[in-house]
Amino acid sequence: MHGPQGDFSEAIFMVNKPLGWTSFDVVKKVRYGLQIKKIGHAGTLDPLATGLLLLCSGRETKKISSLQALDKVYTGQIVIGKTTPSMDLETPFNSLSSYEHITEEMVKAAAATFVGPLMQIPPIYSAVKVDGKRAYKMARKGEEARLQPRSITIHDFSIMSIALPSITFKVVCSKGTYIRRLAYDLGEKLGVGGYLHGLCRTQIGSYCLDNAYTLEGLLGTNSR
């Protein structure tokens, strides 16, 4: 932890973001709960993701950009044989394919093809701006949002266990990587589609989820 114990007005501290909360929800709750005037987060997590959120307050907010640039570690589950427009469970399923012919060897071989530098297209349901508009807002209105590929690096894409259609994985990646897109692209590579079923960010640089506060621990029992 940075900053004096119990003093979060000038600090970098870690929070375990609950399922269903936006990153801004957490910042807002902590701002009012701890009465911190200046606070922000270093790296957005989707509402359906859980895990490590770095908060910076006071003068430590100047470090947000450098913290955002750190590599990240995620664990989660990909389900193959189905897809959704948002590439996770935010939107309904829009395709269904048989995965009976898929083997563990095929999954691991496909995952290996994503390791290294890649050009990745962000999901249409993302906060990326297209002509000044957020892509997800355009997608929800049925407008076409053409997103440009971005340079990212997947340092490691380990398949931890397979119980098809579910695949449990661990990813170590660079800033700007969308794990939803990686899940979708893995499904595409296998020819059956796929979506991100669950995601937890466990590490940002040397900051680890194991050392993070829960909102209850940080603010008391009234975390809502």
Protein backbone atom coordinates (compact mmCIF):
# COMPACT_ATOMS: atom_id res chain seq x y z
CA MET A 1 0.00 0.00 0.00
CA HIS A 2 1.14 3.52 -0.73
CA GLY A 3 0.44 6.30 1.75
CA PRO A 4 -0.03 6.12 5.51
CA GLN A 5 -2.18 3.28 6.88
CA GLY A 6 -5.77 4.46 6.99
CA ASP A 7 -5.08 7.69 5.08
CA PHE A 8 -6.35 7.44 1.52
CA SER A 9 -6.34 11.12 0.57
CA GLU A 10 -2.89 10.84 -1.08
CA ALA A 11 -2.55 7.19 -2.01
CA ILE A 12 -2.52 4.37 -4.53
CA PHE A 13 -4.70 1.57 -3.22
CA MET A 14 -6.31 -1.59 -4.50
CA VAL A 15 -9.97 -2.55 -4.48
CA ASN A 16 -11.62 -5.82 -5.50
CA LYS A 17 -14.38 -4.62 -7.85
CA PRO A 18 -17.65 -6.51 -7.27
CA LEU A 19 -19.67 -8.10 -10.05
CA GLY A 20 -22.19 -5.72 -11.59
CA TRP A 21 -20.43 -2.51 -10.56
CA THR A 22 -18.86 -0.18 -13.09
CA SER A 23 -15.38 1.12 -12.34
CA PHE A 24 -16.92 4.58 -11.94
CA ASP A 25 -19.43 3.18 -9.42
CA VAL A 26 -16.49 2.10 -7.26
CA VAL A 27 -14.70 5.45 -7.61
CA LYS A 28 -17.88 7.34 -6.73
CA LYS A 29 -18.59 5.12 -3.72
CA VAL A 30 -15.06 5.48 -2.37
CA ARG A 31 -14.99 9.22 -3.04
CA TYR A 32 -18.06 9.84 -0.91
CA GLY A 33 -17.44 7.05 1.58
CA LEU A 34 -13.93 8.25 2.46
CA GLN A 35 -14.58 11.91 1.60
CA ILE A 36 -11.75 12.12 -0.92
CA LYS A 37 -11.89 15.20 -3.16
CA LYS A 38 -9.63 14.00 -5.97
CA ILE A 39 -9.71 10.34 -6.99
CA GLY A 40 -9.64 8.25 -10.16
CA HIS A 41 -8.96 4.71 -11.34
CA ALA A 42 -6.14 3.32 -13.47
CA GLY A 43 -7.81 0.94 -15.91
CA THR A 44 -11.49 0.20 -16.49
CA LEU A 45 -13.10 -3.14 -15.71
CA ASP A 46 -16.39 -4.06 -17.38
CA PRO A 47 -19.42 -4.38 -15.05
CA LEU A 48 -19.49 -8.16 -15.65
CA ALA A 49 -15.82 -8.49 -14.67
CA THR A 50 -14.50 -8.64 -11.12
CA GLY A 51 -11.09 -8.14 -9.59
CA LEU A 52 -8.30 -5.66 -9.20
CA LEU A 53 -9.06 -1.97 -9.62
CA LEU A 54 -6.29 0.52 -8.84
CA LEU A 55 -7.49 3.78 -7.30
CA CYS A 56 -5.33 6.89 -7.10
CA SER A 57 -6.10 9.90 -4.93
CA GLY A 58 -4.71 13.40 -4.45
CA ARG A 59 -1.34 13.95 -6.10
CA GLU A 60 -1.07 10.24 -6.82
CA THR A 61 -3.60 10.73 -9.64
CA LYS A 62 -0.63 11.99 -11.69
CA LYS A 63 0.53 8.37 -11.85
CA ILE A 64 -2.66 7.05 -13.47
CA SER A 65 -1.23 7.04 -17.01
CA SER A 66 1.90 5.13 -16.02
CA LEU A 67 -0.15 2.63 -14.01
CA GLN A 68 -2.50 2.10 -16.96
CA ALA A 69 0.51 1.19 -19.11
CA LEU A 70 1.44 -1.78 -16.90
CA ASP A 71 0.83 -5.36 -18.04
CA LYS A 72 -2.30 -7.08 -16.69
CA VAL A 73 -3.14 -10.64 -15.64
CA TYR A 74 -6.65 -12.09 -15.99
CA THR A 75 -8.33 -15.40 -15.27
CA GLY A 76 -11.73 -16.41 -16.56
CA GLN A 77 -13.95 -18.71 -18.55
CA ILE A 78 -14.71 -18.83 -22.25
CA VAL A 79 -17.72 -20.77 -23.52
CA ILE A 80 -17.58 -21.98 -27.11
CA GLY A 81 -20.46 -22.82 -29.44
CA LYS A 82 -22.34 -19.56 -28.84
CA THR A 83 -21.74 -15.88 -29.55
CA THR A 84 -23.22 -12.57 -28.42
CA PRO A 85 -22.89 -9.08 -29.98
CA SER A 86 -21.10 -7.80 -26.86
CA MET A 87 -18.84 -10.90 -26.74
CA ASP A 88 -19.93 -11.49 -23.13
CA LEU A 89 -23.23 -11.94 -21.28
CA GLU A 90 -24.32 -8.29 -21.55
CA THR A 91 -26.33 -9.08 -24.70
CA PRO A 92 -28.43 -12.11 -25.79
CA PHE A 93 -27.00 -15.01 -27.79
CA ASN A 94 -27.09 -14.50 -31.55
CA SER A 95 -25.55 -17.74 -32.85
CA LEU A 96 -25.37 -21.40 -31.88
CA SER A 97 -22.93 -23.98 -33.26
CA SER A 98 -22.06 -27.58 -32.46
CA TYR A 99 -18.74 -28.01 -30.66
CA GLU A 100 -18.82 -31.83 -30.42
CA HIS A 101 -15.87 -32.20 -32.79
CA ILE A 102 -13.63 -29.83 -30.79
CA THR A 103 -10.83 -31.50 -28.81
CA GLU A 104 -8.61 -30.22 -26.00
CA GLU A 105 -5.66 -30.30 -28.38
CA MET A 106 -7.52 -28.06 -30.83
CA VAL A 107 -8.32 -25.54 -28.08
CA LYS A 108 -4.71 -25.37 -26.88
CA ALA A 109 -3.35 -25.10 -30.42
CA ALA A 110 -5.78 -22.29 -31.23
CA ALA A 111 -4.89 -20.39 -28.03
CA ALA A 112 -1.18 -20.61 -28.87
CA THR A 113 -1.75 -18.69 -32.12
CA PHE A 114 -2.73 -15.57 -30.15
CA VAL A 115 0.51 -15.32 -28.16
CA GLY A 116 2.75 -12.44 -29.22
CA PRO A 117 2.10 -9.04 -30.83
CA LEU A 118 -1.36 -8.76 -32.39
CA MET A 119 -3.62 -6.27 -34.10
CA GLN A 120 -6.90 -6.49 -32.20
CA ILE A 121 -10.22 -4.85 -33.12
CA PRO A 122 -12.01 -3.59 -29.97
CA PRO A 123 -15.56 -4.91 -29.38
CA ILE A 124 -18.36 -2.73 -30.70
CA TYR A 125 -19.73 -2.72 -27.16
CA SER A 126 -16.77 -0.75 -25.79
CA ALA A 127 -16.01 2.81 -24.71
CA VAL A 128 -13.79 3.42 -27.74
CA LYS A 129 -14.80 6.61 -29.56
CA VAL A 130 -15.81 6.60 -33.23
CA ASP A 131 -16.28 10.07 -34.71
CA GLY A 132 -16.62 11.47 -31.21
CA LYS A 133 -19.24 8.92 -30.13
CA ARG A 134 -18.81 6.00 -27.75
CA ALA A 135 -18.98 2.75 -29.73
CA TYR A 136 -21.28 1.02 -27.22
CA LYS A 137 -23.81 3.86 -27.47
CA MET A 138 -23.81 3.53 -31.26
CA ALA A 139 -24.17 -0.26 -31.00
CA ARG A 140 -27.15 0.02 -28.65
CA LYS A 141 -28.87 2.32 -31.15
CA GLY A 142 -28.19 -0.12 -33.97
CA GLU A 143 -25.71 2.26 -35.62
CA GLU A 144 -22.67 0.87 -37.40
CA ALA A 145 -19.39 1.58 -35.62
CA ARG A 146 -16.23 0.78 -37.58
CA LEU A 147 -13.42 0.30 -35.11
CA GLN A 148 -9.77 0.29 -36.14
CA PRO A 149 -7.39 -2.50 -35.08
CA ARG A 150 -5.03 -1.70 -32.22
CA SER A 151 -1.58 -3.03 -31.49
CA ILE A 152 -1.49 -5.22 -28.35
CA THR A 153 0.68 -8.03 -26.99
CA ILE A 154 -0.47 -11.30 -25.45
CA HIS A 155 2.48 -12.45 -23.35
CA ASP A 156 0.80 -15.66 -22.24
CA PHE A 157 -2.52 -17.40 -22.97
CA SER A 158 -2.65 -20.50 -20.79
CA ILE A 159 -5.52 -22.98 -20.90
CA MET A 160 -5.92 -24.04 -17.27
CA SER A 161 -8.72 -26.57 -17.69
CA ILE A 162 -11.25 -27.67 -20.29
CA ALA A 163 -14.76 -29.02 -19.69
CA LEU A 164 -16.37 -28.23 -23.02
CA PRO A 165 -18.07 -26.01 -23.83
CA SER A 166 -16.28 -24.20 -20.96
CA ILE A 167 -12.58 -23.27 -21.11
CA THR A 168 -10.80 -21.85 -18.06
CA PHE A 169 -7.83 -19.64 -18.92
CA LYS A 170 -5.16 -17.26 -17.70
CA VAL A 171 -3.94 -14.34 -19.82
CA VAL A 172 -0.98 -12.00 -19.35
CA CYS A 173 -1.32 -9.05 -21.69
CA SER A 174 -0.45 -5.46 -22.50
CA LYS A 175 -2.49 -2.32 -21.99
CA GLY A 176 -5.51 -2.03 -24.27
CA THR A 177 -6.24 -5.74 -24.61
CA TYR A 178 -9.91 -6.71 -24.69
CA ILE A 179 -10.33 -10.19 -23.23
CA ARG A 180 -13.89 -10.30 -24.62
CA ARG A 181 -12.45 -9.96 -28.11
CA LEU A 182 -9.85 -12.63 -27.36
CA ALA A 183 -12.65 -15.00 -26.27
CA TYR A 184 -14.62 -14.23 -29.43
CA ASP A 185 -11.55 -14.62 -31.66
CA LEU A 186 -10.68 -17.96 -30.07
CA GLY A 187 -14.19 -19.17 -30.90
CA GLU A 188 -13.76 -17.91 -34.46
CA LYS A 189 -10.41 -19.69 -34.75
CA LEU A 190 -12.12 -22.93 -33.67
CA GLY A 191 -14.93 -22.30 -36.17
CA VAL A 192 -17.73 -22.56 -33.60
CA GLY A 193 -17.88 -19.12 -31.99
CA GLY A 194 -17.31 -18.22 -28.36
CA TYR A 195 -17.98 -15.63 -25.70
CA LEU A 196 -16.51 -14.51 -22.39
CA HIS A 197 -18.50 -16.09 -19.57
CA GLY A 198 -16.54 -14.74 -16.61
CA LEU A 199 -13.47 -12.59 -15.98
CA CYS A 200 -11.33 -11.59 -13.00
CA ARG A 201 -8.32 -9.26 -13.13
CA THR A 202 -5.76 -10.64 -10.70
CA GLN A 203 -2.74 -8.42 -11.27
CA ILE A 204 -1.63 -5.04 -12.65
CA GLY A 205 2.15 -4.80 -12.80
CA SER A 206 3.28 -5.80 -9.28
CA TYR A 207 -0.11 -4.96 -7.72
CA CYS A 208 -1.96 -8.17 -6.78
CA LEU A 209 -5.62 -8.86 -6.09
CA ASP A 210 -4.68 -10.89 -3.01
CA ASN A 211 -3.70 -7.61 -1.29
CA ALA A 212 -6.77 -5.62 -2.37
CA TYR A 213 -9.48 -4.23 -0.12
CA THR A 214 -13.07 -5.32 -0.48
CA LEU A 215 -15.47 -2.39 -0.51
CA GLU A 216 -16.82 -3.64 2.81
CA GLY A 217 -13.32 -3.69 4.29
CA LEU A 218 -12.53 -0.25 2.94
CA LEU A 219 -15.79 1.52 3.76
CA GLY A 220 -17.41 -0.62 6.42
CA THR A 221 -20.45 -2.84 5.97
CA ASN A 222 -22.46 -0.22 4.04
CA SER A 223 -20.72 -0.73 0.68
CA ARG A 224 -23.84 -0.02 -1.36
